[in-house]
C-alpha atoms as a PDB file:
ATOM      1  CA  UNK A   1     106.229 104.103 109.110  1.00  0.00           C
ATOM      2  CA  UNK A   2     103.745 103.326 111.250  1.00  0.00           C
ATOM      3  CA  UNK A   3      99.977 105.235 111.978  1.00  0.00           C
ATOM      4  CA  UNK A   4     100.379 108.222 114.177  1.00  0.00           C
ATOM      5  CA  UNK A   5      98.037 108.031 117.347  1.00  0.00           C
ATOM      6  CA  UNK A   6      94.793 109.811 117.186  1.00  0.00           C
ATOM      7  CA  UNK A   7      95.541 110.492 112.827  1.00  0.00           C
ATOM      8  CA  UNK A   8      92.350 108.436 111.270  1.00  0.00           C
ATOM      9  CA  UNK A   9      92.636 109.886 108.290  1.00  0.00           C
ATOM     10  CA  UNK A  10      92.146 107.148 106.451  1.00  0.00           C
ATOM     11  CA  UNK A  11      89.551 106.293 108.188  1.00  0.00           C
ATOM     12  CA  UNK A  12      87.630 109.076 107.238  1.00  0.00           C
ATOM     13  CA  UNK A  13      89.042 110.948 104.027  1.00  0.00           C
ATOM     14  CA  UNK A  14      88.947 107.662 101.565  1.00  0.00           C
ATOM     15  CA  UNK A  15      85.195 106.378 100.518  1.00  0.00           C
ATOM     16  CA  UNK A  16      84.554 102.189 101.292  1.00  0.00           C
ATOM     17  CA  UNK A  17      81.663 100.867  98.742  1.00  0.00           C
ATOM     18  CA  UNK A  18      81.982  97.083 100.316  1.00  0.00           C
ATOM     19  CA  UNK A  19      79.830  96.288 103.296  1.00  0.00           C
ATOM     20  CA  UNK A  20      81.037  97.523 106.890  1.00  0.00           C
ATOM     21  CA  UNK A  21      79.988  96.430 110.111  1.00  0.00           C
ATOM     22  CA  UNK A  22      77.199  98.966 110.978  1.00  0.00           C
ATOM     23  CA  UNK A  23      77.351 100.916 107.587  1.00  0.00           C
ATOM     24  CA  UNK A  24      76.136  98.210 105.720  1.00  0.00           C
ATOM     25  CA  UNK A  25      76.172 100.140 102.128  1.00  0.00           C
ATOM     26  CA  UNK A  26      80.249 101.272 102.793  1.00  0.00           C
ATOM     27  CA  UNK A  27      80.977 105.207 103.349  1.00  0.00           C
ATOM     28  CA  UNK A  28      80.570 107.959 100.934  1.00  0.00           C
ATOM     29  CA  UNK A  29      83.970 109.757 101.405  1.00  0.00           C
ATOM     30  CA  UNK A  30      85.020 112.270 104.030  1.00  0.00           C
ATOM     31  CA  UNK A  31      82.458 110.745 106.789  1.00  0.00           C
ATOM     32  CA  UNK A  32      84.193 108.292 109.041  1.00  0.00           C
ATOM     33  CA  UNK A  33      83.599 105.157 109.650  1.00  0.00           C
ATOM     34  CA  UNK A  34      81.084 104.075 112.255  1.00  0.00           C
ATOM     35  CA  UNK A  35      83.792 101.431 113.217  1.00  0.00           C
ATOM     36  CA  UNK A  36      86.919 104.510 114.171  1.00  0.00           C
ATOM     37  CA  UNK A  37      86.698 104.760 118.095  1.00  0.00           C
ATOM     38  CA  UNK A  38      87.425 107.906 120.175  1.00  0.00           C
ATOM     39  CA  UNK A  39      90.732 107.621 120.136  1.00  0.00           C
ATOM     40  CA  UNK A  40      90.826 107.815 116.266  1.00  0.00           C
ATOM     41  CA  UNK A  41      91.559 103.937 115.940  1.00  0.00           C
ATOM     42  CA  UNK A  42      89.977 100.981 114.667  1.00  0.00           C
ATOM     43  CA  UNK A  43      87.285  98.438 116.076  1.00  0.00           C
ATOM     44  CA  UNK A  44      88.321  95.738 113.133  1.00  0.00           C
ATOM     45  CA  UNK A  45      91.831  96.215 112.967  1.00  0.00           C
ATOM     46  CA  UNK A  46      93.590  92.207 112.472  1.00  0.00           C
ATOM     47  CA  UNK A  47      89.332  91.028 112.400  1.00  0.00           C
ATOM     48  CA  UNK A  48      88.114  89.181 109.333  1.00  0.00           C
ATOM     49  CA  UNK A  49      85.186  91.898 108.730  1.00  0.00           C
ATOM     50  CA  UNK A  50      87.776  94.095 108.408  1.00  0.00           C
ATOM     51  CA  UNK A  51      87.387  95.877 104.385  1.00  0.00           C
ATOM     52  CA  UNK A  52      89.906  94.361 102.147  1.00  0.00           C
ATOM     53  CA  UNK A  53      90.296  97.743 101.353  1.00  0.00           C
ATOM     54  CA  UNK A  54      90.930  99.222 104.917  1.00  0.00           C
ATOM     55  CA  UNK A  55      93.533  96.371 104.790  1.00  0.00           C
ATOM     56  CA  UNK A  56      95.065  97.346 101.791  1.00  0.00           C
ATOM     57  CA  UNK A  57      95.774 100.945 102.373  1.00  0.00           C
ATOM     58  CA  UNK A  58      99.663 101.349 104.410  1.00  0.00           C
ATOM     59  CA  UNK A  59     100.704 104.606 105.638  1.00  0.00           C
ATOM     60  CA  UNK A  60     103.632 105.800 104.044  1.00  0.00           C
ATOM     61  CA  UNK A  61     105.632 109.105 103.869  1.00  0.00           C
ATOM     62  CA  UNK A  62     103.654 110.077 100.723  1.00  0.00           C
ATOM     63  CA  UNK A  63     100.229 109.958 102.169  1.00  0.00           C
ATOM     64  CA  UNK A  64     100.852 110.544 105.814  1.00  0.00           C
ATOM     65  CA  UNK A  65     103.188 113.818 105.720  1.00  0.00           C
ATOM     66  CA  UNK A  66     106.588 114.502 107.031  1.00  0.00           C
ATOM     67  CA  UNK A  67     105.622 116.160 110.284  1.00  0.00           C
ATOM     68  CA  UNK A  68     102.353 114.706 112.609  1.00  0.00           C
ATOM     69  CA  UNK A  69      99.680 117.349 111.291  1.00  0.00           C
ATOM     70  CA  UNK A  70      97.171 115.751 113.587  1.00  0.00           C
ATOM     71  CA  UNK A  71      96.506 113.839 110.045  1.00  0.00           C
ATOM     72  CA  UNK A  72      95.515 116.852 107.976  1.00  0.00           C
ATOM     73  CA  UNK A  73      98.182 116.118 105.227  1.00  0.00           C
ATOM     74  CA  UNK A  74      96.488 112.504 105.241  1.00  0.00           C
ATOM     75  CA  UNK A  75      93.010 114.346 105.093  1.00  0.00           C
ATOM     76  CA  UNK A  76      94.247 116.063 101.534  1.00  0.00           C
ATOM     77  CA  UNK A  77      96.586 113.658  99.571  1.00  0.00           C
ATOM     78  CA  UNK A  78      93.471 110.543 100.651  1.00  0.00           C
ATOM     79  CA  UNK A  79      91.000 113.686  99.005  1.00  0.00           C
ATOM     80  CA  UNK A  80      92.719 114.196  96.353  1.00  0.00           C
ATOM     81  CA  UNK A  81      93.284 110.141  95.401  1.00  0.00           C
ATOM     82  CA  UNK A  82      89.741 109.994  95.687  1.00  0.00           C
ATOM     83  CA  UNK A  83      88.694 112.378  94.174  1.00  0.00           C
ATOM     84  CA  UNK A  84      91.107 111.692  90.917  1.00  0.00           C
ATOM     85  CA  UNK A  85      89.961 107.950  91.226  1.00  0.00           C
ATOM     86  CA  UNK A  86      86.215 108.168  91.396  1.00  0.00           C
ATOM     87  CA  UNK A  87      83.629 107.746  88.363  1.00  0.00           C
ATOM     88  CA  UNK A  88      83.023 110.112  85.614  1.00  0.00           C
END
């Protein structure tokens, strides 16, 4: 499965604990990454400074949903996953 244009759920919903250029402390869940461009793409895609967790997150029908809904399903899914895996 390929990313849907403009979705950007994976650049907004999950927290990232490793440094990101422009966000040296990482980012909290629900906050857009500073590397997210206006078209919903990652400015670091394919570059070595992209956090490893970002490269490991791959689109899937389970995460993204069956239909293009502007990323709503993916954001809900990722925020639920974030809550389920957050430390107590």
